[in-house]
Amino acid sequence: MKIVVFGAGAWGTALAVSAASRHQVTLWARDAAQADAIGARRENRRYLPGIALPPALAITSGAPSDVPSLAVAADLAVVATPMAGLRELLALLRQHPGPVAWLCKGFEAPAGGGDGLLGHEVKAQVAPDLRAGVLSGPSFAIEVARGQPTALVAASDDPGVRTALVAAFHSPQLRVYANDDVAGVEIGGAVKNVLAIATGLCDGLELGLNARAALITRGLAEITRLGVALGARPETFMGLSGLGDLVLTATGDLSRNRRVGLLLAQGKSLAEAVASLGHVAEGVYCARAVVRRAAHAGVDMPIARAVVALLDGELKPSGAVAALMGRDPVAEG
């Protein structure tokens, strides 16, 4: 199977490394200097240091205009950009006849007073005829690159896309489950990043394990409420892309979004916290879109609202906790 991965960040590189032992894989970087460095060193030192790239993994670069021709030569095209780059790549691939998948998790930043969109909603706007889906689930890139056990979800309303993703990435180290609830899988992957900031704040303030458990559990309730309102199936949120991804991102030391919360609890500014990461923390960029979509759908998301108030400087860390704990009592259901 021939696979091309567009985007040489940590996650794109990790999946390319994982698949290269079984398939013919090309990893594309927009920046020629980055591609040259990766190819010469056989290591992506910026995003995935310490991982030796398989000899069979091809590295290339080029202008965005090269994307369609690279994709048409492959059996599967994978977009591994941050959410901010998805629209451009899907527009370039809009006439591609084969399966396409994206890896990014989040809502697109709202533009022109509209709502921020999920990946499948962006696709519906710019490439409605594209056969596409999303690969998501609880996964730190470094662990996938090392071959440590991981399970993911391949979601698409096209059975052929789901089959292609399973064929491409399922292995003894990486299990890939198929799912046709694209909205549910994407909402779980997007909103858990926002809630991981809250959990990092909780841990940074040393509020205890009780508080962490409460945040994760009530956070899952928020994800599920929003998901159902946006057309997802509730059972999806008890799976890998919901509960699984939330637990990993909210508690794992490799989580960038959790790290943001920890740094804010230490008194760092948002700019300082983001600058220290060296990678994108999608929760920072999509938190406002999550709260906006929830408001328009009539969904109550107090934890997500508190995160946005914290990021906007309207609440201090201790004030965010007080705002959540001071809410009137309600029934759990």
C-alpha atoms as a PDB file:
ATOM      1  CA  MET A   1       0.000   0.000   0.000  1.00  0.00           C
ATOM      2  CA  LYS A   2       1.299   3.480  -0.883  1.00  0.00           C
ATOM      3  CA  ILE A   3       0.667   6.161   1.750  1.00  0.00           C
ATOM      4  CA  VAL A   4       1.537   9.856   1.701  1.00  0.00           C
ATOM      5  CA  VAL A   5       1.453  11.869   4.938  1.00  0.00           C
ATOM      6  CA  PHE A   6       1.167  15.643   4.529  1.00  0.00           C
ATOM      7  CA  GLY A   7       2.739  17.280   7.581  1.00  0.00           C
ATOM      8  CA  ALA A   8       5.961  16.363   9.350  1.00  0.00           C
ATOM      9  CA  GLY A   9       5.019  17.284  12.896  1.00  0.00           C
ATOM     10  CA  ALA A  10       5.155  14.805  15.765  1.00  0.00           C
ATOM     11  CA  TRP A  11       1.949  12.927  14.972  1.00  0.00           C
ATOM     12  CA  GLY A  12       2.412  12.757  11.206  1.00  0.00           C
ATOM     13  CA  THR A  13       5.974  11.541  11.654  1.00  0.00           C
ATOM     14  CA  ALA A  14       4.961   8.959  14.254  1.00  0.00           C
ATOM     15  CA  LEU A  15       2.270   7.423  12.038  1.00  0.00           C
ATOM     16  CA  ALA A  16       4.611   7.430   9.074  1.00  0.00           C
ATOM     17  CA  VAL A  17       7.229   5.606  11.155  1.00  0.00           C
ATOM     18  CA  SER A  18       4.637   3.088  12.359  1.00  0.00           C
ATOM     19  CA  ALA A  19       3.355   2.301   8.869  1.00  0.00           C
ATOM     20  CA  ALA A  20       6.719   2.298   7.061  1.00  0.00           C
ATOM     21  CA  SER A  21       7.584  -1.228   8.208  1.00  0.00           C
ATOM     22  CA  ARG A  22       4.635  -2.613   6.218  1.00  0.00           C
ATOM     23  CA  HIS A  23       3.886  -0.076   3.492  1.00  0.00           C
ATOM     24  CA  GLN A  24       5.542   2.328   1.086  1.00  0.00           C
ATOM     25  CA  VAL A  25       5.277   5.645   2.956  1.00  0.00           C
ATOM     26  CA  THR A  26       6.232   9.198   1.972  1.00  0.00           C
ATOM     27  CA  LEU A  27       6.359  11.979   4.576  1.00  0.00           C
ATOM     28  CA  TRP A  28       5.871  15.482   3.129  1.00  0.00           C
ATOM     29  CA  ALA A  29       7.065  18.658   4.833  1.00  0.00           C
ATOM     30  CA  ARG A  30       6.061  22.077   3.569  1.00  0.00           C
ATOM     31  CA  ASP A  31       9.459  23.512   4.572  1.00  0.00           C
ATOM     32  CA  ALA A  32      12.301  22.302   2.350  1.00  0.00           C
ATOM     33  CA  ALA A  33      14.974  22.957   4.981  1.00  0.00           C
ATOM     34  CA  GLN A  34      13.047  20.870   7.511  1.00  0.00           C
ATOM     35  CA  ALA A  35      12.659  18.026   5.007  1.00  0.00           C
ATOM     36  CA  ASP A  36      16.363  18.147   4.143  1.00  0.00           C
ATOM     37  CA  ALA A  37      17.334  18.034   7.827  1.00  0.00           C
ATOM     38  CA  ILE A  38      14.997  15.112   8.543  1.00  0.00           C
ATOM     39  CA  GLY A  39      16.246  13.219   5.518  1.00  0.00           C
ATOM     40  CA  ALA A  40      19.926  13.810   6.264  1.00  0.00           C
ATOM     41  CA  ARG A  41      19.727  12.947   9.963  1.00  0.00           C
ATOM     42  CA  ARG A  42      17.004  10.281   9.593  1.00  0.00           C
ATOM     43  CA  GLU A  43      15.428  11.882  12.648  1.00  0.00           C
ATOM     44  CA  ASN A  44      12.818  14.602  13.188  1.00  0.00           C
ATOM     45  CA  ARG A  45      14.769  16.369  15.921  1.00  0.00           C
ATOM     46  CA  ARG A  46      12.329  19.238  16.260  1.00  0.00           C
ATOM     47  CA  TYR A  47       9.143  17.250  16.812  1.00  0.00           C
ATOM     48  CA  LEU A  48      10.173  13.662  17.556  1.00  0.00           C
ATOM     49  CA  PRO A  49      13.746  13.633  18.873  1.00  0.00           C
ATOM     50  CA  GLY A  50      15.374  10.301  19.551  1.00  0.00           C
ATOM     51  CA  ILE A  51      13.298   8.324  17.032  1.00  0.00           C
ATOM     52  CA  ALA A  52      15.310   6.885  14.156  1.00  0.00           C
ATOM     53  CA  LEU A  53      13.345   6.946  10.917  1.00  0.00           C
ATOM     54  CA  PRO A  54      13.098   3.627   9.061  1.00  0.00           C
ATOM     55  CA  PRO A  55      15.347   3.482   5.979  1.00  0.00           C
ATOM     56  CA  ALA A  56      12.326   2.820   3.771  1.00  0.00           C
ATOM     57  CA  LEU A  57      10.507   6.017   4.844  1.00  0.00           C
ATOM     58  CA  ALA A  58      10.808   8.596   2.048  1.00  0.00           C
ATOM     59  CA  ILE A  59      11.049  12.296   2.935  1.00  0.00           C
ATOM     60  CA  THR A  60      10.000  14.994   0.507  1.00  0.00           C
ATOM     61  CA  SER A  61       8.972  18.645   0.429  1.00  0.00           C
ATOM     62  CA  GLY A  62       7.380  21.051  -1.964  1.00  0.00           C
ATOM     63  CA  ALA A  63       4.857  23.772  -2.519  1.00  0.00           C
ATOM     64  CA  PRO A  64       1.218  23.195  -1.597  1.00  0.00           C
ATOM     65  CA  SER A  65       0.488  23.025  -5.318  1.00  0.00           C
ATOM     66  CA  ASP A  66       2.397  19.712  -5.366  1.00  0.00           C
ATOM     67  CA  VAL A  67      -0.087  18.086  -2.964  1.00  0.00           C
ATOM     68  CA  PRO A  68      -2.615  16.784  -5.546  1.00  0.00           C
ATOM     69  CA  SER A  69       0.026  15.056  -7.668  1.00  0.00           C
ATOM     70  CA  LEU A  70       1.638  13.424  -4.630  1.00  0.00           C
ATOM     71  CA  ALA A  71      -1.750  12.238  -3.399  1.00  0.00           C
ATOM     72  CA  VAL A  72      -2.867  10.743  -6.703  1.00  0.00           C
ATOM     73  CA  ALA A  73       0.216   8.504  -6.734  1.00  0.00           C
ATOM     74  CA  ALA A  74      -0.767   7.012  -3.353  1.00  0.00           C
ATOM     75  CA  ASP A  75      -3.503   4.657  -2.177  1.00  0.00           C
ATOM     76  CA  LEU A  76      -4.159   6.784   0.925  1.00  0.00           C
ATOM     77  CA  ALA A  77      -3.501  10.458   1.624  1.00  0.00           C
ATOM     78  CA  VAL A  78      -3.215  11.583   5.264  1.00  0.00           C
ATOM     79  CA  VAL A  79      -3.398  15.238   6.346  1.00  0.00           C
ATOM     80  CA  ALA A  80      -1.285  15.681   9.482  1.00  0.00           C
ATOM     81  CA  THR A  81      -1.374  19.447   9.857  1.00  0.00           C
ATOM     82  CA  PRO A  82      -2.755  21.321  12.877  1.00  0.00           C
ATOM     83  CA  MET A  83      -6.433  22.242  12.629  1.00  0.00           C
ATOM     84  CA  ALA A  84      -5.506  25.655  11.218  1.00  0.00           C
ATOM     85  CA  GLY A  85      -4.032  24.017   8.108  1.00  0.00           C
ATOM     86  CA  LEU A  86      -6.803  21.529   7.362  1.00  0.00           C
ATOM     87  CA  ARG A  87      -8.965  23.775   5.164  1.00  0.00           C
ATOM     88  CA  GLU A  88      -6.105  24.563   2.771  1.00  0.00           C
ATOM     89  CA  LEU A  89      -5.094  20.919   2.346  1.00  0.00           C
ATOM     90  CA  LEU A  90      -8.644  19.638   1.876  1.00  0.00           C
ATOM     91  CA  ALA A  91      -9.265  22.339  -0.731  1.00  0.00           C
ATOM     92  CA  LEU A  92      -6.163  21.195  -2.608  1.00  0.00           C
ATOM     93  CA  LEU A  93      -7.405  17.598  -2.448  1.00  0.00           C
ATOM     94  CA  ARG A  94     -11.050  18.354  -3.300  1.00  0.00           C
ATOM     95  CA  GLN A  95     -10.885  16.500  -6.652  1.00  0.00           C
ATOM     96  CA  HIS A  96      -8.784  13.604  -5.356  1.00  0.00           C
ATOM     97  CA  PRO A  97     -10.481  10.283  -6.215  1.00  0.00           C
ATOM     98  CA  GLY A  98      -8.990   8.170  -3.437  1.00  0.00           C
ATOM     99  CA  PRO A  99      -9.429   8.021   0.338  1.00  0.00           C
ATOM    100  CA  VAL A 100      -8.199  10.909   2.483  1.00  0.00           C
ATOM    101  CA  ALA A 101      -7.964  11.151   6.268  1.00  0.00           C
ATOM    102  CA  TRP A 102      -6.991  13.901   8.685  1.00  0.00           C
ATOM    103  CA  LEU A 103      -5.390  13.566  12.116  1.00  0.00           C
ATOM    104  CA  CYS A 104      -6.022  16.988  13.683  1.00  0.00           C
ATOM    105  CA  LYS A 105      -8.323  17.359  16.679  1.00  0.00           C
ATOM    106  CA  GLY A 106     -10.170  20.575  17.316  1.00  0.00           C
ATOM    107  CA  PHE A 107     -12.551  23.198  16.021  1.00  0.00           C
ATOM    108  CA  GLU A 108     -11.439  25.604  13.330  1.00  0.00           C
ATOM    109  CA  ALA A 109     -11.118  29.154  14.657  1.00  0.00           C
ATOM    110  CA  PRO A 110     -14.397  31.078  14.094  1.00  0.00           C
ATOM    111  CA  ALA A 111     -14.268  33.508  11.196  1.00  0.00           C
ATOM    112  CA  GLY A 112     -16.516  36.421  10.326  1.00  0.00           C
ATOM    113  CA  GLY A 113     -18.776  35.993  13.316  1.00  0.00           C
ATOM    114  CA  GLY A 114     -19.584  32.370  12.464  1.00  0.00           C
ATOM    115  CA  ASP A 115     -19.065  29.202  14.449  1.00  0.00           C
ATOM    116  CA  GLY A 116     -15.816  27.264  14.511  1.00  0.00           C
ATOM    117  CA  LEU A 117     -16.132  24.090  12.458  1.00  0.00           C
ATOM    118  CA  LEU A 118     -15.083  20.499  13.003  1.00  0.00           C
ATOM    119  CA  GLY A 119     -13.002  18.747  10.360  1.00  0.00           C
ATOM    120  CA  HIS A 120     -15.930  17.018   8.658  1.00  0.00           C
ATOM    121  CA  GLU A 121     -17.775  20.348   8.521  1.00  0.00           C
ATOM    122  CA  VAL A 122     -14.766  22.012   6.883  1.00  0.00           C
ATOM    123  CA  LYS A 123     -14.659  19.148   4.399  1.00  0.00           C
ATOM    124  CA  ALA A 124     -18.357  19.623   3.602  1.00  0.00           C
ATOM    125  CA  GLN A 125     -17.642  23.252   2.703  1.00  0.00           C
ATOM    126  CA  VAL A 126     -14.465  22.944   0.640  1.00  0.00           C
ATOM    127  CA  ALA A 127     -14.457  19.351  -0.658  1.00  0.00           C
ATOM    128  CA  PRO A 128     -17.986  17.925  -0.433  1.00  0.00           C
ATOM    129  CA  ASP A 129     -17.302  15.043  -2.835  1.00  0.00           C
ATOM    130  CA  LEU A 130     -14.065  13.945  -1.183  1.00  0.00           C
ATOM    131  CA  ARG A 131     -14.032  10.408   0.254  1.00  0.00           C
ATOM    132  CA  ALA A 132     -12.642  11.209   3.654  1.00  0.00           C
ATOM    133  CA  GLY A 133     -12.564  10.548   7.376  1.00  0.00           C
ATOM    134  CA  VAL A 134     -10.608  11.039  10.570  1.00  0.00           C
ATOM    135  CA  LEU A 135      -8.140   8.929  12.545  1.00  0.00           C
ATOM    136  CA  SER A 136      -8.379   9.723  16.253  1.00  0.00           C
ATOM    137  CA  GLY A 137      -8.114   8.276  19.742  1.00  0.00           C
ATOM    138  CA  PRO A 138      -5.869   8.270  22.828  1.00  0.00           C
ATOM    139  CA  SER A 139      -2.347   8.527  21.469  1.00  0.00           C
ATOM    140  CA  PHE A 140       0.897  10.282  22.302  1.00  0.00           C
ATOM    141  CA  ALA A 141       3.056  10.466  19.185  1.00  0.00           C
ATOM    142  CA  ILE A 142       6.266   9.353  20.869  1.00  0.00           C
ATOM    143  CA  GLU A 143       4.684   6.137  22.144  1.00  0.00           C
ATOM    144  CA  VAL A 144       3.319   5.263  18.695  1.00  0.00           C
ATOM    145  CA  ALA A 145       6.734   5.924  17.161  1.00  0.00           C
ATOM    146  CA  ARG A 146       8.344   3.625  19.747  1.00  0.00           C
ATOM    147  CA  GLY A 147       5.892   0.870  18.906  1.00  0.00           C
ATOM    148  CA  GLN A 148       4.192   0.899  22.292  1.00  0.00           C
ATOM    149  CA  PRO A 149       0.639  -0.550  22.343  1.00  0.00           C
ATOM    150  CA  THR A 150      -1.990   1.961  21.169  1.00  0.00           C
ATOM    151  CA  ALA A 151      -5.599   1.816  19.947  1.00  0.00           C
ATOM    152  CA  LEU A 152      -7.192   4.311  17.552  1.00  0.00           C
ATOM    153  CA  VAL A 153     -10.518   4.887  15.795  1.00  0.00           C
ATOM    154  CA  ALA A 154     -10.940   5.289  12.031  1.00  0.00           C
ATOM    155  CA  ALA A 155     -14.173   7.217  11.482  1.00  0.00           C
ATOM    156  CA  SER A 156     -15.884   7.876   8.171  1.00  0.00           C
ATOM    157  CA  ASP A 157     -19.312   7.556   6.607  1.00  0.00           C
ATOM    158  CA  ASP A 158     -17.558   5.850   3.680  1.00  0.00           C
ATOM    159  CA  PRO A 159     -16.822   2.155   4.360  1.00  0.00           C
ATOM    160  CA  GLY A 160     -13.966   2.225   1.859  1.00  0.00           C
ATOM    161  CA  VAL A 161     -12.198   4.974   3.786  1.00  0.00           C
ATOM    162  CA  ARG A 162     -12.543   3.049   7.041  1.00  0.00           C
ATOM    163  CA  THR A 163     -11.167  -0.073   5.358  1.00  0.00           C
ATOM    164  CA  ALA A 164      -8.215   1.846   3.918  1.00  0.00           C
ATOM    165  CA  LEU A 165      -7.298   3.327   7.301  1.00  0.00           C
ATOM    166  CA  VAL A 166      -7.451  -0.051   9.027  1.00  0.00           C
ATOM    167  CA  ALA A 167      -5.341  -1.623   6.271  1.00  0.00           C
ATOM    168  CA  ALA A 168      -2.813   1.200   6.481  1.00  0.00           C
ATOM    169  CA  PHE A 169      -2.252   1.448  10.215  1.00  0.00           C
ATOM    170  CA  HIS A 170      -3.536  -1.666  11.998  1.00  0.00           C
ATOM    171  CA  SER A 171      -0.603  -3.717  13.289  1.00  0.00           C
ATOM    172  CA  PRO A 172       0.414  -5.856  16.274  1.00  0.00           C
ATOM    173  CA  GLN A 173       1.357  -2.623  18.082  1.00  0.00           C
ATOM    174  CA  LEU A 174      -1.457  -0.382  16.829  1.00  0.00           C
ATOM    175  CA  ARG A 175      -5.086  -1.504  16.856  1.00  0.00           C
ATOM    176  CA  VAL A 176      -7.474   0.463  14.651  1.00  0.00           C
ATOM    177  CA  TYR A 177     -11.222   0.204  15.226  1.00  0.00           C
ATOM    178  CA  ALA A 178     -13.747   1.362  12.618  1.00  0.00           C
ATOM    179  CA  ASN A 179     -16.614   3.740  13.427  1.00  0.00           C
ATOM    180  CA  ASP A 180     -19.134   5.608  11.266  1.00  0.00           C
ATOM    181  CA  ASP A 181     -19.930   8.322  13.854  1.00  0.00           C
ATOM    182  CA  VAL A 182     -17.618  10.995  12.469  1.00  0.00           C
ATOM    183  CA  ALA A 183     -19.187  13.813  14.478  1.00  0.00           C
ATOM    184  CA  GLY A 184     -18.862  11.909  17.752  1.00  0.00           C
ATOM    185  CA  VAL A 185     -15.251  10.938  17.162  1.00  0.00           C
ATOM    186  CA  GLU A 186     -14.308  14.513  16.227  1.00  0.00           C
ATOM    187  CA  ILE A 187     -16.150  16.153  19.112  1.00  0.00           C
ATOM    188  CA  GLY A 188     -14.498  13.834  21.617  1.00  0.00           C
ATOM    189  CA  GLY A 189     -11.069  14.557  20.174  1.00  0.00           C
ATOM    190  CA  ALA A 190     -11.645  18.311  20.151  1.00  0.00           C
ATOM    191  CA  VAL A 191     -13.311  19.013  23.484  1.00  0.00           C
ATOM    192  CA  LYS A 192     -11.052  16.779  25.587  1.00  0.00           C
ATOM    193  CA  ASN A 193      -8.196  19.201  24.864  1.00  0.00           C
ATOM    194  CA  VAL A 194     -10.100  22.025  26.558  1.00  0.00           C
ATOM    195  CA  LEU A 195     -10.948  19.866  29.564  1.00  0.00           C
ATOM    196  CA  ALA A 196      -7.332  18.737  29.874  1.00  0.00           C
ATOM    197  CA  ILE A 197      -6.380  22.367  30.522  1.00  0.00           C
ATOM    198  CA  ALA A 198      -8.840  22.371  33.423  1.00  0.00           C
ATOM    199  CA  THR A 199      -7.406  19.131  34.800  1.00  0.00           C
ATOM    200  CA  GLY A 200      -3.867  20.461  34.517  1.00  0.00           C
ATOM    201  CA  LEU A 201      -4.982  23.518  36.480  1.00  0.00           C
ATOM    202  CA  CYS A 202      -6.495  21.234  39.112  1.00  0.00           C
ATOM    203  CA  ASP A 203      -3.262  19.264  39.462  1.00  0.00           C
ATOM    204  CA  GLY A 204      -1.116  22.389  39.423  1.00  0.00           C
ATOM    205  CA  LEU A 205      -3.126  23.860  42.291  1.00  0.00           C
ATOM    206  CA  GLU A 206      -2.768  20.533  44.157  1.00  0.00           C
ATOM    207  CA  LEU A 207      -6.506  20.193  44.637  1.00  0.00           C
ATOM    208  CA  GLY A 208      -6.212  16.431  44.974  1.00  0.00           C
ATOM    209  CA  LEU A 209      -7.267  13.247  43.219  1.00  0.00           C
ATOM    210  CA  ASN A 210     -10.920  13.658  44.197  1.00  0.00           C
ATOM    211  CA  ALA A 211     -11.054  16.921  42.300  1.00  0.00           C
ATOM    212  CA  ARG A 212      -9.307  15.426  39.291  1.00  0.00           C
ATOM    213  CA  ALA A 213     -11.770  12.523  39.148  1.00  0.00           C
ATOM    214  CA  ALA A 214     -14.702  14.926  39.414  1.00  0.00           C
ATOM    215  CA  LEU A 215     -13.365  17.117  36.606  1.00  0.00           C
ATOM    216  CA  ILE A 216     -12.796  14.197  34.259  1.00  0.00           C
ATOM    217  CA  THR A 217     -16.213  12.695  34.950  1.00  0.00           C
ATOM    218  CA  ARG A 218     -18.130  15.946  34.648  1.00  0.00           C
ATOM    219  CA  GLY A 219     -15.996  16.853  31.656  1.00  0.00           C
ATOM    220  CA  LEU A 220     -17.108  13.677  29.919  1.00  0.00           C
ATOM    221  CA  ALA A 221     -20.706  14.699  30.631  1.00  0.00           C
ATOM    222  CA  GLU A 222     -20.051  18.051  28.945  1.00  0.00           C
ATOM    223  CA  ILE A 223     -18.530  16.367  25.888  1.00  0.00           C
ATOM    224  CA  THR A 224     -21.482  14.004  25.603  1.00  0.00           C
ATOM    225  CA  ARG A 225     -24.085  16.775  25.919  1.00  0.00           C
ATOM    226  CA  LEU A 226     -22.464  18.808  23.174  1.00  0.00           C
ATOM    227  CA  GLY A 227     -21.931  15.777  20.985  1.00  0.00           C
ATOM    228  CA  VAL A 228     -25.536  14.634  21.145  1.00  0.00           C
ATOM    229  CA  ALA A 229     -26.713  18.181  20.410  1.00  0.00           C
ATOM    230  CA  LEU A 230     -24.505  18.218  17.300  1.00  0.00           C
ATOM    231  CA  GLY A 231     -25.788  14.888  16.013  1.00  0.00           C
ATOM    232  CA  ALA A 232     -23.390  12.351  17.527  1.00  0.00           C
ATOM    233  CA  ARG A 233     -24.312   9.068  19.175  1.00  0.00           C
ATOM    234  CA  PRO A 234     -23.909   9.054  22.982  1.00  0.00           C
ATOM    235  CA  GLU A 235     -22.190   5.644  23.066  1.00  0.00           C
ATOM    236  CA  THR A 236     -19.294   7.012  21.016  1.00  0.00           C
ATOM    237  CA  PHE A 237     -18.182   9.052  24.022  1.00  0.00           C
ATOM    238  CA  MET A 238     -17.678   5.912  26.099  1.00  0.00           C
ATOM    239  CA  GLY A 239     -15.157   4.692  23.533  1.00  0.00           C
ATOM    240  CA  LEU A 240     -11.567   5.418  22.596  1.00  0.00           C
ATOM    241  CA  SER A 241     -12.173   8.838  21.052  1.00  0.00           C
ATOM    242  CA  GLY A 242     -14.257   9.990  24.032  1.00  0.00           C
ATOM    243  CA  LEU A 243     -13.443   8.589  27.457  1.00  0.00           C
ATOM    244  CA  GLY A 244     -10.145   7.093  26.311  1.00  0.00           C
ATOM    245  CA  ASP A 245      -8.753  10.274  24.808  1.00  0.00           C
ATOM    246  CA  LEU A 246     -10.034  12.407  27.693  1.00  0.00           C
ATOM    247  CA  VAL A 247      -8.346  10.245  30.341  1.00  0.00           C
ATOM    248  CA  LEU A 248      -5.045  10.204  28.441  1.00  0.00           C
ATOM    249  CA  THR A 249      -4.942  13.932  27.727  1.00  0.00           C
ATOM    250  CA  ALA A 250      -6.167  14.978  31.162  1.00  0.00           C
ATOM    251  CA  THR A 251      -3.740  12.803  33.147  1.00  0.00           C
ATOM    252  CA  GLY A 252      -0.743  12.018  30.932  1.00  0.00           C
ATOM    253  CA  ASP A 253       2.507  13.861  31.564  1.00  0.00           C
ATOM    254  CA  LEU A 254       3.092  14.120  27.791  1.00  0.00           C
ATOM    255  CA  SER A 255      -0.125  16.103  27.288  1.00  0.00           C
ATOM    256  CA  ARG A 256       0.536  19.626  26.023  1.00  0.00           C
ATOM    257  CA  ASN A 257      -2.954  20.812  26.971  1.00  0.00           C
ATOM    258  CA  ARG A 258      -2.567  19.506  30.522  1.00  0.00           C
ATOM    259  CA  ARG A 259       0.816  21.248  30.631  1.00  0.00           C
ATOM    260  CA  VAL A 260      -0.856  24.572  29.809  1.00  0.00           C
ATOM    261  CA  GLY A 261      -3.100  24.179  32.862  1.00  0.00           C
ATOM    262  CA  LEU A 262      -0.147  23.278  35.062  1.00  0.00           C
ATOM    263  CA  LEU A 263       1.777  26.366  33.936  1.00  0.00           C
ATOM    264  CA  LEU A 264      -1.210  28.668  34.436  1.00  0.00           C
ATOM    265  CA  ALA A 265      -1.545  27.299  37.984  1.00  0.00           C
ATOM    266  CA  GLN A 266       2.101  28.279  38.557  1.00  0.00           C
ATOM    267  CA  GLY A 267       1.292  31.874  37.658  1.00  0.00           C
ATOM    268  CA  LYS A 268       2.590  31.835  34.095  1.00  0.00           C
ATOM    269  CA  SER A 269       0.767  33.956  31.543  1.00  0.00           C
ATOM    270  CA  LEU A 270      -0.983  32.223  28.672  1.00  0.00           C
ATOM    271  CA  ALA A 271       1.652  33.539  26.250  1.00  0.00           C
ATOM    272  CA  GLU A 272       4.449  32.189  28.430  1.00  0.00           C
ATOM    273  CA  ALA A 273       2.736  28.814  28.782  1.00  0.00           C
ATOM    274  CA  VAL A 274       2.169  28.408  25.050  1.00  0.00           C
ATOM    275  CA  ALA A 275       5.663  29.601  24.137  1.00  0.00           C
ATOM    276  CA  SER A 276       7.265  27.039  26.443  1.00  0.00           C
ATOM    277  CA  LEU A 277       5.607  24.082  24.707  1.00  0.00           C
ATOM    278  CA  GLY A 278       7.299  24.210  21.328  1.00  0.00           C
ATOM    279  CA  HIS A 279       4.219  22.461  19.865  1.00  0.00           C
ATOM    280  CA  VAL A 280       0.594  23.397  19.243  1.00  0.00           C
ATOM    281  CA  ALA A 281      -1.829  22.943  22.157  1.00  0.00           C
ATOM    282  CA  GLU A 282      -5.123  22.696  20.289  1.00  0.00           C
ATOM    283  CA  GLY A 283      -7.204  23.246  23.434  1.00  0.00           C
ATOM    284  CA  VAL A 284      -5.975  26.837  23.667  1.00  0.00           C
ATOM    285  CA  TYR A 285      -7.043  27.582  20.117  1.00  0.00           C
ATOM    286  CA  CYS A 286     -10.414  25.836  20.077  1.00  0.00           C
ATOM    287  CA  ALA A 287     -11.736  26.568  23.598  1.00  0.00           C
ATOM    288  CA  ARG A 288     -13.679  29.629  22.500  1.00  0.00           C
ATOM    289  CA  ALA A 289     -15.127  27.768  19.529  1.00  0.00           C
ATOM    290  CA  VAL A 290     -16.292  24.972  21.833  1.00  0.00           C
ATOM    291  CA  VAL A 291     -18.072  27.387  24.158  1.00  0.00           C
ATOM    292  CA  ARG A 292     -19.603  29.263  21.242  1.00  0.00           C
ATOM    293  CA  ARG A 293     -20.949  26.103  19.613  1.00  0.00           C
ATOM    294  CA  ALA A 294     -22.323  24.986  22.979  1.00  0.00           C
ATOM    295  CA  ALA A 295     -24.105  28.297  23.517  1.00  0.00           C
ATOM    296  CA  HIS A 296     -25.684  28.185  20.062  1.00  0.00           C
ATOM    297  CA  ALA A 297     -26.791  24.587  20.691  1.00  0.00           C
ATOM    298  CA  GLY A 298     -28.229  25.448  24.115  1.00  0.00           C
ATOM    299  CA  VAL A 299     -25.758  23.173  25.914  1.00  0.00           C
ATOM    300  CA  ASP A 300     -24.416  24.003  29.367  1.00  0.00           C
ATOM    301  CA  MET A 301     -20.623  23.522  29.619  1.00  0.00           C
ATOM    302  CA  PRO A 302     -19.463  25.196  32.845  1.00  0.00           C
ATOM    303  CA  ILE A 303     -15.987  23.650  32.858  1.00  0.00           C
ATOM    304  CA  ALA A 304     -15.276  24.730  29.295  1.00  0.00           C
ATOM    305  CA  ARG A 305     -16.623  28.224  30.063  1.00  0.00           C
ATOM    306  CA  ALA A 306     -14.309  28.489  33.066  1.00  0.00           C
ATOM    307  CA  VAL A 307     -11.342  27.501  30.879  1.00  0.00           C
ATOM    308  CA  VAL A 308     -12.182  30.242  28.377  1.00  0.00           C
ATOM    309  CA  ALA A 309     -12.517  32.818  31.169  1.00  0.00           C
ATOM    310  CA  LEU A 310      -9.138  31.696  32.486  1.00  0.00           C
ATOM    311  CA  LEU A 311      -7.478  31.893  29.047  1.00  0.00           C
ATOM    312  CA  ASP A 312      -8.996  35.337  28.447  1.00  0.00           C
ATOM    313  CA  GLY A 313      -7.718  36.617  31.781  1.00  0.00           C
ATOM    314  CA  GLU A 314     -11.208  37.135  33.182  1.00  0.00           C
ATOM    315  CA  LEU A 315     -10.563  34.645  36.001  1.00  0.00           C
ATOM    316  CA  LYS A 316      -7.469  33.747  37.960  1.00  0.00           C
ATOM    317  CA  PRO A 317      -6.789  30.042  38.608  1.00  0.00           C
ATOM    318  CA  SER A 318      -8.281  30.150  42.106  1.00  0.00           C
ATOM    319  CA  GLY A 319     -11.276  32.083  40.783  1.00  0.00           C
ATOM    320  CA  ALA A 320     -11.966  29.427  38.145  1.00  0.00           C
ATOM    321  CA  VAL A 321     -12.111  26.772  40.853  1.00  0.00           C
ATOM    322  CA  ALA A 322     -14.382  28.932  43.027  1.00  0.00           C
ATOM    323  CA  ALA A 323     -16.711  29.573  40.095  1.00  0.00           C
ATOM    324  CA  LEU A 324     -17.135  25.846  39.458  1.00  0.00           C
ATOM    325  CA  MET A 325     -17.514  24.826  43.094  1.00  0.00           C
ATOM    326  CA  GLY A 326     -19.919  27.664  43.838  1.00  0.00           C
ATOM    327  CA  ARG A 327     -22.526  26.635  41.288  1.00  0.00           C
ATOM    328  CA  ASP A 328     -25.995  25.723  42.540  1.00  0.00           C
ATOM    329  CA  PRO A 329     -26.612  21.998  43.118  1.00  0.00           C
ATOM    330  CA  VAL A 330     -28.147  20.061  40.246  1.00  0.00           C
ATOM    331  CA  ALA A 331     -29.120  16.451  39.515  1.00  0.00           C
ATOM    332  CA  GLU A 332     -26.282  14.401  38.028  1.00  0.00           C
ATOM    333  CA  GLY A 333     -28.296  13.202  35.041  1.00  0.00           C
END
